[in-house]
Amino acid sequence: MLVLRGDVGGFSVGSDFSWNVAGYFGYRASEMISLWAGYHALGVDYRDGSGSRKFEYDMTFQGPVLGVGFRF
């Protein structure tokens, strides 16, 4: 199973701009257990305040992801 997802947001509502993209490959090991591996990236651009009280946060986080899913 292959899952691709992504979104964009912010637009000066919470952050100035944010984005998220991920791709996962899943394997159903049994009827109750799934195994997942993939890659995920998240970017956030946030600014608030002015002068000496200005807070600025412009980061991109990315890396591999491993997961286990349980179905009840």
C-alpha atoms as a PDB file:
ATOM      1  CA  MET A   1       0.000   0.000   0.000  1.00  0.00           C
ATOM      2  CA  LEU A   2       1.333   3.459  -0.921  1.00  0.00           C
ATOM      3  CA  VAL A   3       0.108   6.679   0.706  1.00  0.00           C
ATOM      4  CA  LEU A   4       1.051  10.184  -0.461  1.00  0.00           C
ATOM      5  CA  ARG A   5      -0.266  13.274   1.303  1.00  0.00           C
ATOM      6  CA  GLY A   6       0.395  16.956   1.531  1.00  0.00           C
ATOM      7  CA  ASP A   7      -1.130  20.255   2.511  1.00  0.00           C
ATOM      8  CA  VAL A   8      -0.408  23.960   2.765  1.00  0.00           C
ATOM      9  CA  GLY A   9      -1.749  26.449   5.282  1.00  0.00           C
ATOM     10  CA  GLY A  10      -1.103  29.444   7.437  1.00  0.00           C
ATOM     11  CA  PHE A  11      -1.775  32.361   5.114  1.00  0.00           C
ATOM     12  CA  SER A  12      -1.218  34.753   8.067  1.00  0.00           C
ATOM     13  CA  VAL A  13      -3.987  33.154  10.177  1.00  0.00           C
ATOM     14  CA  GLY A  14      -1.743  31.203  12.597  1.00  0.00           C
ATOM     15  CA  SER A  15       1.584  31.137  10.811  1.00  0.00           C
ATOM     16  CA  ASP A  16       2.604  33.161   7.772  1.00  0.00           C
ATOM     17  CA  PHE A  17       2.909  29.953   5.756  1.00  0.00           C
ATOM     18  CA  SER A  18       3.203  26.232   6.493  1.00  0.00           C
ATOM     19  CA  TRP A  19       3.423  23.093   4.400  1.00  0.00           C
ATOM     20  CA  ASN A  20       3.477  19.374   4.992  1.00  0.00           C
ATOM     21  CA  VAL A  21       4.331  16.491   2.632  1.00  0.00           C
ATOM     22  CA  ALA A  22       4.719  12.775   3.310  1.00  0.00           C
ATOM     23  CA  GLY A  23       5.011   9.475   1.488  1.00  0.00           C
ATOM     24  CA  TYR A  24       4.536   6.105   3.185  1.00  0.00           C
ATOM     25  CA  PHE A  25       4.714   2.498   2.110  1.00  0.00           C
ATOM     26  CA  GLY A  26       2.586   0.102   4.143  1.00  0.00           C
ATOM     27  CA  TYR A  27       2.602  -3.653   4.521  1.00  0.00           C
ATOM     28  CA  ARG A  28      -0.280  -5.544   6.104  1.00  0.00           C
ATOM     29  CA  ALA A  29       1.516  -8.116   8.259  1.00  0.00           C
ATOM     30  CA  SER A  30      -1.732  -9.649   9.541  1.00  0.00           C
ATOM     31  CA  GLU A  31      -5.409  -8.778   9.753  1.00  0.00           C
ATOM     32  CA  MET A  32      -4.695  -6.651  12.849  1.00  0.00           C
ATOM     33  CA  ILE A  33      -1.172  -5.274  12.238  1.00  0.00           C
ATOM     34  CA  SER A  34       0.231  -2.972   9.527  1.00  0.00           C
ATOM     35  CA  LEU A  35       3.858  -1.838   9.210  1.00  0.00           C
ATOM     36  CA  TRP A  36       4.728   1.574   7.728  1.00  0.00           C
ATOM     37  CA  ALA A  37       7.924   3.211   6.457  1.00  0.00           C
ATOM     38  CA  GLY A  38       8.339   6.504   4.677  1.00  0.00           C
ATOM     39  CA  TYR A  39       9.552  10.079   4.645  1.00  0.00           C
ATOM     40  CA  HIS A  40       7.933  13.202   6.105  1.00  0.00           C
ATOM     41  CA  ALA A  41       8.768  16.914   5.752  1.00  0.00           C
ATOM     42  CA  LEU A  42       7.151  19.877   7.532  1.00  0.00           C
ATOM     43  CA  GLY A  43       7.904  23.564   6.995  1.00  0.00           C
ATOM     44  CA  VAL A  44       6.687  26.467   9.166  1.00  0.00           C
ATOM     45  CA  ASP A  45       7.232  30.207   8.728  1.00  0.00           C
ATOM     46  CA  TYR A  46       5.956  32.163  11.754  1.00  0.00           C
ATOM     47  CA  ARG A  47       6.479  35.762  12.856  1.00  0.00           C
ATOM     48  CA  ASP A  48       4.884  37.655  15.750  1.00  0.00           C
ATOM     49  CA  GLY A  49       5.509  40.944  17.524  1.00  0.00           C
ATOM     50  CA  SER A  50       7.897  43.729  16.609  1.00  0.00           C
ATOM     51  CA  GLY A  51      11.104  45.352  17.810  1.00  0.00           C
ATOM     52  CA  SER A  52      12.748  43.702  20.820  1.00  0.00           C
ATOM     53  CA  ARG A  53       9.592  41.569  21.355  1.00  0.00           C
ATOM     54  CA  LYS A  54       9.679  40.075  17.845  1.00  0.00           C
ATOM     55  CA  PHE A  55       9.585  36.292  17.633  1.00  0.00           C
ATOM     56  CA  GLU A  56      10.531  34.658  14.341  1.00  0.00           C
ATOM     57  CA  TYR A  57      10.410  30.942  13.575  1.00  0.00           C
ATOM     58  CA  ASP A  58      11.270  29.682  10.065  1.00  0.00           C
ATOM     59  CA  MET A  59      12.115  25.970  10.133  1.00  0.00           C
ATOM     60  CA  THR A  60      11.906  22.820   8.033  1.00  0.00           C
ATOM     61  CA  PHE A  61      11.833  19.419   9.721  1.00  0.00           C
ATOM     62  CA  GLN A  62      12.365  16.292   7.649  1.00  0.00           C
ATOM     63  CA  GLY A  63      13.329  12.681   8.011  1.00  0.00           C
ATOM     64  CA  PRO A  64      12.379   9.019   7.839  1.00  0.00           C
ATOM     65  CA  VAL A  65       9.308   7.623   9.586  1.00  0.00           C
ATOM     66  CA  LEU A  66       8.610   4.097  10.870  1.00  0.00           C
ATOM     67  CA  GLY A  67       5.267   3.033  12.295  1.00  0.00           C
ATOM     68  CA  VAL A  68       3.052   0.195  13.391  1.00  0.00           C
ATOM     69  CA  GLY A  69      -0.739   0.299  13.007  1.00  0.00           C
ATOM     70  CA  PHE A  70      -3.190  -1.807  14.988  1.00  0.00           C
ATOM     71  CA  ARG A  71      -6.717  -2.575  13.792  1.00  0.00           C
ATOM     72  CA  PHE A  72      -9.355  -3.618  16.323  1.00  0.00           C
END
